[in-house]
Amino acid sequence: MPYLTLSSFGEVHYLSCFMDARYQSMRFVAEMFLQLFMFFLSTFELLLSPEVEARDPLINLP
C-alpha cells in the first residue's frame, strides 16, 4: 500500500511497502505479531467461554 511522505525540502514522495525492503520487513514483523496476538486472544476466548465449559465434561471435573 503506497503512502505519502514529506522530505526535508517539502517535496512529496510516494513510498511503497513492497518496494522498500526495510518497510517490507517491518510490516512483515508487525503483521506476524498481530496474527500471533489474535491467535492467542481467540484461544483464550475459547478457553474462557462458558459454552466450551458446558460442552466439555473434562473441564467441569471437581
PDB file of N, CA and C in Angstrom:
ATOM      1  N   MET A   1       0.848  -1.188   0.000  1.00  0.00           N
ATOM      2  CA  MET A   1       0.000   0.000   0.000  1.00  0.00           C
ATOM      3  C   MET A   1       0.892   1.249   0.000  1.00  0.00           C
ATOM      4  N   PRO A   2       0.828   2.050  -1.039  1.00  0.00           N
ATOM      5  CA  PRO A   2       1.664   3.256  -1.075  1.00  0.00           C
ATOM      6  C   PRO A   2       1.166   4.314  -0.112  1.00  0.00           C
ATOM      7  N   TYR A   3       2.083   5.127   0.372  1.00  0.00           N
ATOM      8  CA  TYR A   3       1.710   6.196   1.281  1.00  0.00           C
ATOM      9  C   TYR A   3       2.602   7.398   1.028  1.00  0.00           C
ATOM     10  N   LEU A   4       2.183   8.561   1.524  1.00  0.00           N
ATOM     11  CA  LEU A   4       2.859   9.817   1.253  1.00  0.00           C
ATOM     12  C   LEU A   4       3.834  10.157   2.364  1.00  0.00           C
ATOM     13  N   THR A   5       4.989  10.688   1.987  1.00  0.00           N
ATOM     14  CA  THR A   5       5.922  11.243   2.961  1.00  0.00           C
ATOM     15  C   THR A   5       6.392  12.598   2.456  1.00  0.00           C
ATOM     16  N   LEU A   6       6.823  13.439   3.382  1.00  0.00           N
ATOM     17  CA  LEU A   6       7.369  14.744   3.030  1.00  0.00           C
ATOM     18  C   LEU A   6       8.864  14.750   3.307  1.00  0.00           C
ATOM     19  N   SER A   7       9.645  15.171   2.305  1.00  0.00           N
ATOM     20  CA  SER A   7      11.088  15.250   2.512  1.00  0.00           C
ATOM     21  C   SER A   7      11.425  16.558   3.219  1.00  0.00           C
ATOM     22  N   SER A   8      12.724  16.779   3.449  1.00  0.00           N
ATOM     23  CA  SER A   8      13.139  17.992   4.161  1.00  0.00           C
ATOM     24  C   SER A   8      12.896  19.244   3.320  1.00  0.00           C
ATOM     25  N   PHE A   9      12.765  19.095   1.999  1.00  0.00           N
ATOM     26  CA  PHE A   9      12.523  20.243   1.134  1.00  0.00           C
ATOM     27  C   PHE A   9      11.036  20.443   0.861  1.00  0.00           C
ATOM     28  N   GLY A  10      10.182  19.640   1.475  1.00  0.00           N
ATOM     29  CA  GLY A  10       8.751  19.801   1.279  1.00  0.00           C
ATOM     30  C   GLY A  10       8.222  19.081   0.062  1.00  0.00           C
ATOM     31  N   GLU A  11       9.059  18.300  -0.596  1.00  0.00           N
ATOM     32  CA  GLU A  11       8.586  17.568  -1.758  1.00  0.00           C
ATOM     33  C   GLU A  11       7.821  16.328  -1.308  1.00  0.00           C
ATOM     34  N   VAL A  12       6.839  15.961  -2.092  1.00  0.00           N
ATOM     35  CA  VAL A  12       6.025  14.795  -1.767  1.00  0.00           C
ATOM     36  C   VAL A  12       6.603  13.582  -2.480  1.00  0.00           C
ATOM     37  N   HIS A  13       6.880  12.538  -1.706  1.00  0.00           N
ATOM     38  CA  HIS A  13       7.413  11.302  -2.274  1.00  0.00           C
ATOM     39  C   HIS A  13       6.431  10.171  -2.011  1.00  0.00           C
ATOM     40  N   TYR A  14       6.303   9.304  -3.015  1.00  0.00           N
ATOM     41  CA  TYR A  14       5.490   8.114  -2.847  1.00  0.00           C
ATOM     42  C   TYR A  14       6.405   6.956  -2.472  1.00  0.00           C
ATOM     43  N   LEU A  15       6.122   6.338  -1.332  1.00  0.00           N
ATOM     44  CA  LEU A  15       6.873   5.155  -0.935  1.00  0.00           C
ATOM     45  C   LEU A  15       5.920   3.970  -0.913  1.00  0.00           C
ATOM     46  N   SER A  16       6.408   2.834  -1.351  1.00  0.00           N
ATOM     47  CA  SER A  16       5.606   1.624  -1.327  1.00  0.00           C
ATOM     48  C   SER A  16       6.249   0.621  -0.388  1.00  0.00           C
ATOM     49  N   CYS A  17       5.420  -0.050   0.415  1.00  0.00           N
ATOM     50  CA  CYS A  17       5.940  -1.050   1.348  1.00  0.00           C
ATOM     51  C   CYS A  17       6.574  -2.219   0.602  1.00  0.00           C
ATOM     52  N   PHE A  18       6.118  -2.477  -0.609  1.00  0.00           N
ATOM     53  CA  PHE A  18       6.620  -3.632  -1.335  1.00  0.00           C
ATOM     54  C   PHE A  18       7.900  -3.308  -2.101  1.00  0.00           C
ATOM     55  N   MET A  19       8.220  -2.026  -2.276  1.00  0.00           N
ATOM     56  CA  MET A  19       9.432  -1.666  -2.997  1.00  0.00           C
ATOM     57  C   MET A  19      10.595  -1.439  -2.046  1.00  0.00           C
ATOM     58  N   ASP A  20      10.328  -0.963  -0.826  1.00  0.00           N
ATOM     59  CA  ASP A  20      11.396  -0.707   0.124  1.00  0.00           C
ATOM     60  C   ASP A  20      11.534  -1.918   1.034  1.00  0.00           C
ATOM     61  N   ALA A  21      12.736  -2.477   1.096  1.00  0.00           N
ATOM     62  CA  ALA A  21      12.931  -3.722   1.849  1.00  0.00           C
ATOM     63  C   ALA A  21      12.769  -3.502   3.345  1.00  0.00           C
ATOM     64  N   ARG A  22      13.184  -2.321   3.837  1.00  0.00           N
ATOM     65  CA  ARG A  22      13.070  -2.074   5.277  1.00  0.00           C
ATOM     66  C   ARG A  22      11.609  -2.027   5.703  1.00  0.00           C
ATOM     67  N   TYR A  23      10.795  -1.301   4.939  1.00  0.00           N
ATOM     68  CA  TYR A  23       9.384  -1.214   5.294  1.00  0.00           C
ATOM     69  C   TYR A  23       8.687  -2.556   5.116  1.00  0.00           C
ATOM     70  N   GLN A  24       9.134  -3.335   4.129  1.00  0.00           N
ATOM     71  CA  GLN A  24       8.515  -4.642   3.911  1.00  0.00           C
ATOM     72  C   GLN A  24       8.809  -5.573   5.083  1.00  0.00           C
ATOM     73  N   SER A  25      10.056  -5.559   5.571  1.00  0.00           N
ATOM     74  CA  SER A  25      10.387  -6.436   6.696  1.00  0.00           C
ATOM     75  C   SER A  25       9.706  -5.959   7.976  1.00  0.00           C
ATOM     76  N   MET A  26       9.638  -4.639   8.181  1.00  0.00           N
ATOM     77  CA  MET A  26       8.962  -4.120   9.371  1.00  0.00           C
ATOM     78  C   MET A  26       7.478  -4.453   9.335  1.00  0.00           C
ATOM     79  N   ARG A  27       6.877  -4.346   8.149  1.00  0.00           N
ATOM     80  CA  ARG A  27       5.458  -4.669   8.024  1.00  0.00           C
ATOM     81  C   ARG A  27       5.227  -6.166   8.245  1.00  0.00           C
ATOM     82  N   PHE A  28       6.152  -6.994   7.754  1.00  0.00           N
ATOM     83  CA  PHE A  28       6.019  -8.439   7.945  1.00  0.00           C
ATOM     84  C   PHE A  28       6.076  -8.798   9.421  1.00  0.00           C
ATOM     85  N   VAL A  29       7.027  -8.196  10.158  1.00  0.00           N
ATOM     86  CA  VAL A  29       7.149  -8.482  11.589  1.00  0.00           C
ATOM     87  C   VAL A  29       5.915  -7.992  12.337  1.00  0.00           C
ATOM     88  N   ALA A  30       5.414  -6.809  11.974  1.00  0.00           N
ATOM     89  CA  ALA A  30       4.232  -6.270  12.646  1.00  0.00           C
ATOM     90  C   ALA A  30       3.007  -7.145  12.385  1.00  0.00           C
ATOM     91  N   GLU A  31       2.840  -7.605  11.144  1.00  0.00           N
ATOM     92  CA  GLU A  31       1.698  -8.465  10.842  1.00  0.00           C
ATOM     93  C   GLU A  31       1.832  -9.819  11.520  1.00  0.00           C
ATOM     94  N   MET A  32       3.067 -10.317  11.666  1.00  0.00           N
ATOM     95  CA  MET A  32       3.264 -11.599  12.340  1.00  0.00           C
ATOM     96  C   MET A  32       2.889 -11.491  13.817  1.00  0.00           C
ATOM     97  N   PHE A  33       3.332 -10.393  14.474  1.00  0.00           N
ATOM     98  CA  PHE A  33       2.956 -10.198  15.871  1.00  0.00           C
ATOM     99  C   PHE A  33       1.448 -10.020  16.020  1.00  0.00           C
ATOM    100  N   LEU A  34       0.830  -9.335  15.054  1.00  0.00           N
ATOM    101  CA  LEU A  34      -0.618  -9.140  15.123  1.00  0.00           C
ATOM    102  C   LEU A  34      -1.351 -10.465  14.971  1.00  0.00           C
ATOM    103  N   GLN A  35      -0.883 -11.313  14.056  1.00  0.00           N
ATOM    104  CA  GLN A  35      -1.513 -12.620  13.884  1.00  0.00           C
ATOM    105  C   GLN A  35      -1.344 -13.486  15.127  1.00  0.00           C
ATOM    106  N   LEU A  36      -0.157 -13.441  15.751  1.00  0.00           N
ATOM    107  CA  LEU A  36       0.058 -14.201  16.983  1.00  0.00           C
ATOM    108  C   LEU A  36      -0.839 -13.695  18.101  1.00  0.00           C
ATOM    109  N   PHE A  37      -0.965 -12.373  18.204  1.00  0.00           N
ATOM    110  CA  PHE A  37      -1.812 -11.800  19.248  1.00  0.00           C
ATOM    111  C   PHE A  37      -3.268 -12.197  19.047  1.00  0.00           C
ATOM    112  N   MET A  38      -3.752 -12.143  17.802  1.00  0.00           N
ATOM    113  CA  MET A  38      -5.136 -12.525  17.534  1.00  0.00           C
ATOM    114  C   MET A  38      -5.344 -14.019  17.777  1.00  0.00           C
ATOM    115  N   PHE A  39      -4.328 -14.836  17.481  1.00  0.00           N
ATOM    116  CA  PHE A  39      -4.449 -16.272  17.723  1.00  0.00           C
ATOM    117  C   PHE A  39      -4.563 -16.567  19.212  1.00  0.00           C
ATOM    118  N   PHE A  40      -3.686 -15.940  20.018  1.00  0.00           N
ATOM    119  CA  PHE A  40      -3.753 -16.163  21.459  1.00  0.00           C
ATOM    120  C   PHE A  40      -5.045 -15.607  22.043  1.00  0.00           C
ATOM    121  N   LEU A  41      -5.503 -14.474  21.507  1.00  0.00           N
ATOM    122  CA  LEU A  41      -6.744 -13.881  22.005  1.00  0.00           C
ATOM    123  C   LEU A  41      -7.925 -14.804  21.727  1.00  0.00           C
ATOM    124  N   SER A  42      -7.993 -15.370  20.519  1.00  0.00           N
ATOM    125  CA  SER A  42      -9.097 -16.273  20.205  1.00  0.00           C
ATOM    126  C   SER A  42      -8.987 -17.565  21.006  1.00  0.00           C
ATOM    127  N   THR A  43      -7.758 -18.034  21.256  1.00  0.00           N
ATOM    128  CA  THR A  43      -7.585 -19.257  22.048  1.00  0.00           C
ATOM    129  C   THR A  43      -8.046 -19.053  23.480  1.00  0.00           C
ATOM    130  N   PHE A  44      -7.638 -17.925  24.088  1.00  0.00           N
ATOM    131  CA  PHE A  44      -8.061 -17.654  25.462  1.00  0.00           C
ATOM    132  C   PHE A  44      -9.561 -17.407  25.533  1.00  0.00           C
ATOM    133  N   GLU A  45     -10.120 -16.795  24.478  1.00  0.00           N
ATOM    134  CA  GLU A  45     -11.560 -16.562  24.460  1.00  0.00           C
ATOM    135  C   GLU A  45     -12.313 -17.888  24.399  1.00  0.00           C
ATOM    136  N   LEU A  46     -11.785 -18.844  23.637  1.00  0.00           N
ATOM    137  CA  LEU A  46     -12.423 -20.158  23.584  1.00  0.00           C
ATOM    138  C   LEU A  46     -12.286 -20.895  24.911  1.00  0.00           C
ATOM    139  N   LEU A  47     -11.126 -20.744  25.565  1.00  0.00           N
ATOM    140  CA  LEU A  47     -10.922 -21.446  26.831  1.00  0.00           C
ATOM    141  C   LEU A  47     -11.768 -20.862  27.953  1.00  0.00           C
ATOM    142  N   LEU A  48     -12.038 -19.559  27.899  1.00  0.00           N
ATOM    143  CA  LEU A  48     -12.758 -18.909  28.987  1.00  0.00           C
ATOM    144  C   LEU A  48     -14.257 -18.798  28.744  1.00  0.00           C
ATOM    145  N   SER A  49     -14.712 -19.194  27.553  1.00  0.00           N
ATOM    146  CA  SER A  49     -16.137 -19.038  27.281  1.00  0.00           C
ATOM    147  C   SER A  49     -16.931 -20.124  28.008  1.00  0.00           C
ATOM    148  N   PRO A  50     -18.097 -19.789  28.557  1.00  0.00           N
ATOM    149  CA  PRO A  50     -18.896 -20.792  29.282  1.00  0.00           C
ATOM    150  C   PRO A  50     -19.496 -21.859  28.376  1.00  0.00           C
ATOM    151  N   GLU A  51     -19.603 -21.579  27.067  1.00  0.00           N
ATOM    152  CA  GLU A  51     -20.155 -22.599  26.173  1.00  0.00           C
ATOM    153  C   GLU A  51     -19.219 -23.795  26.086  1.00  0.00           C
ATOM    154  N   VAL A  52     -17.926 -23.541  26.049  1.00  0.00           N
ATOM    155  CA  VAL A  52     -16.970 -24.645  25.976  1.00  0.00           C
ATOM    156  C   VAL A  52     -16.964 -25.410  27.294  1.00  0.00           C
ATOM    157  N   GLU A  53     -17.073 -24.701  28.421  1.00  0.00           N
ATOM    158  CA  GLU A  53     -17.097 -25.377  29.715  1.00  0.00           C
ATOM    159  C   GLU A  53     -18.353 -26.236  29.856  1.00  0.00           C
ATOM    160  N   ALA A  54     -19.469 -25.777  29.331  1.00  0.00           N
ATOM    161  CA  ALA A  54     -20.703 -26.552  29.426  1.00  0.00           C
ATOM    162  C   ALA A  54     -20.674 -27.742  28.468  1.00  0.00           C
ATOM    163  N   ARG A  55     -19.929 -27.632  27.367  1.00  0.00           N
ATOM    164  CA  ARG A  55     -19.904 -28.696  26.380  1.00  0.00           C
ATOM    165  C   ARG A  55     -18.893 -29.777  26.751  1.00  0.00           C
ATOM    166  N   ASP A  56     -17.754 -29.399  27.329  1.00  0.00           N
ATOM    167  CA  ASP A  56     -16.677 -30.339  27.593  1.00  0.00           C
ATOM    168  C   ASP A  56     -16.769 -30.827  29.035  1.00  0.00           C
ATOM    169  N   PRO A  57     -17.037 -32.103  29.270  1.00  0.00           N
ATOM    170  CA  PRO A  57     -17.173 -32.574  30.657  1.00  0.00           C
ATOM    171  C   PRO A  57     -15.844 -32.644  31.399  1.00  0.00           C
ATOM    172  N   LEU A  58     -14.706 -32.662  30.666  1.00  0.00           N
ATOM    173  CA  LEU A  58     -13.419 -32.767  31.342  1.00  0.00           C
ATOM    174  C   LEU A  58     -13.055 -31.486  32.083  1.00  0.00           C
ATOM    175  N   ILE A  59     -13.572 -30.352  31.610  1.00  0.00           N
ATOM    176  CA  ILE A  59     -13.247 -29.087  32.272  1.00  0.00           C
ATOM    177  C   ILE A  59     -14.024 -28.971  33.580  1.00  0.00           C
ATOM    178  N   ASN A  60     -15.212 -29.567  33.638  1.00  0.00           N
ATOM    179  CA  ASN A  60     -16.082 -29.408  34.798  1.00  0.00           C
ATOM    180  C   ASN A  60     -15.844 -30.460  35.879  1.00  0.00           C
ATOM    181  N   LEU A  61     -14.764 -31.232  35.758  1.00  0.00           N
ATOM    182  CA  LEU A  61     -14.488 -32.220  36.793  1.00  0.00           C
ATOM    183  C   LEU A  61     -14.143 -31.530  38.112  1.00  0.00           C
ATOM    184  N   PRO A  62     -14.613 -32.042  39.231  1.00  0.00           N
ATOM    185  CA  PRO A  62     -14.327 -31.404  40.521  1.00  0.00           C
ATOM    186  C   PRO A  62     -12.872 -31.612  40.952  1.00  0.00           C
TER     187      PRO A  62
END
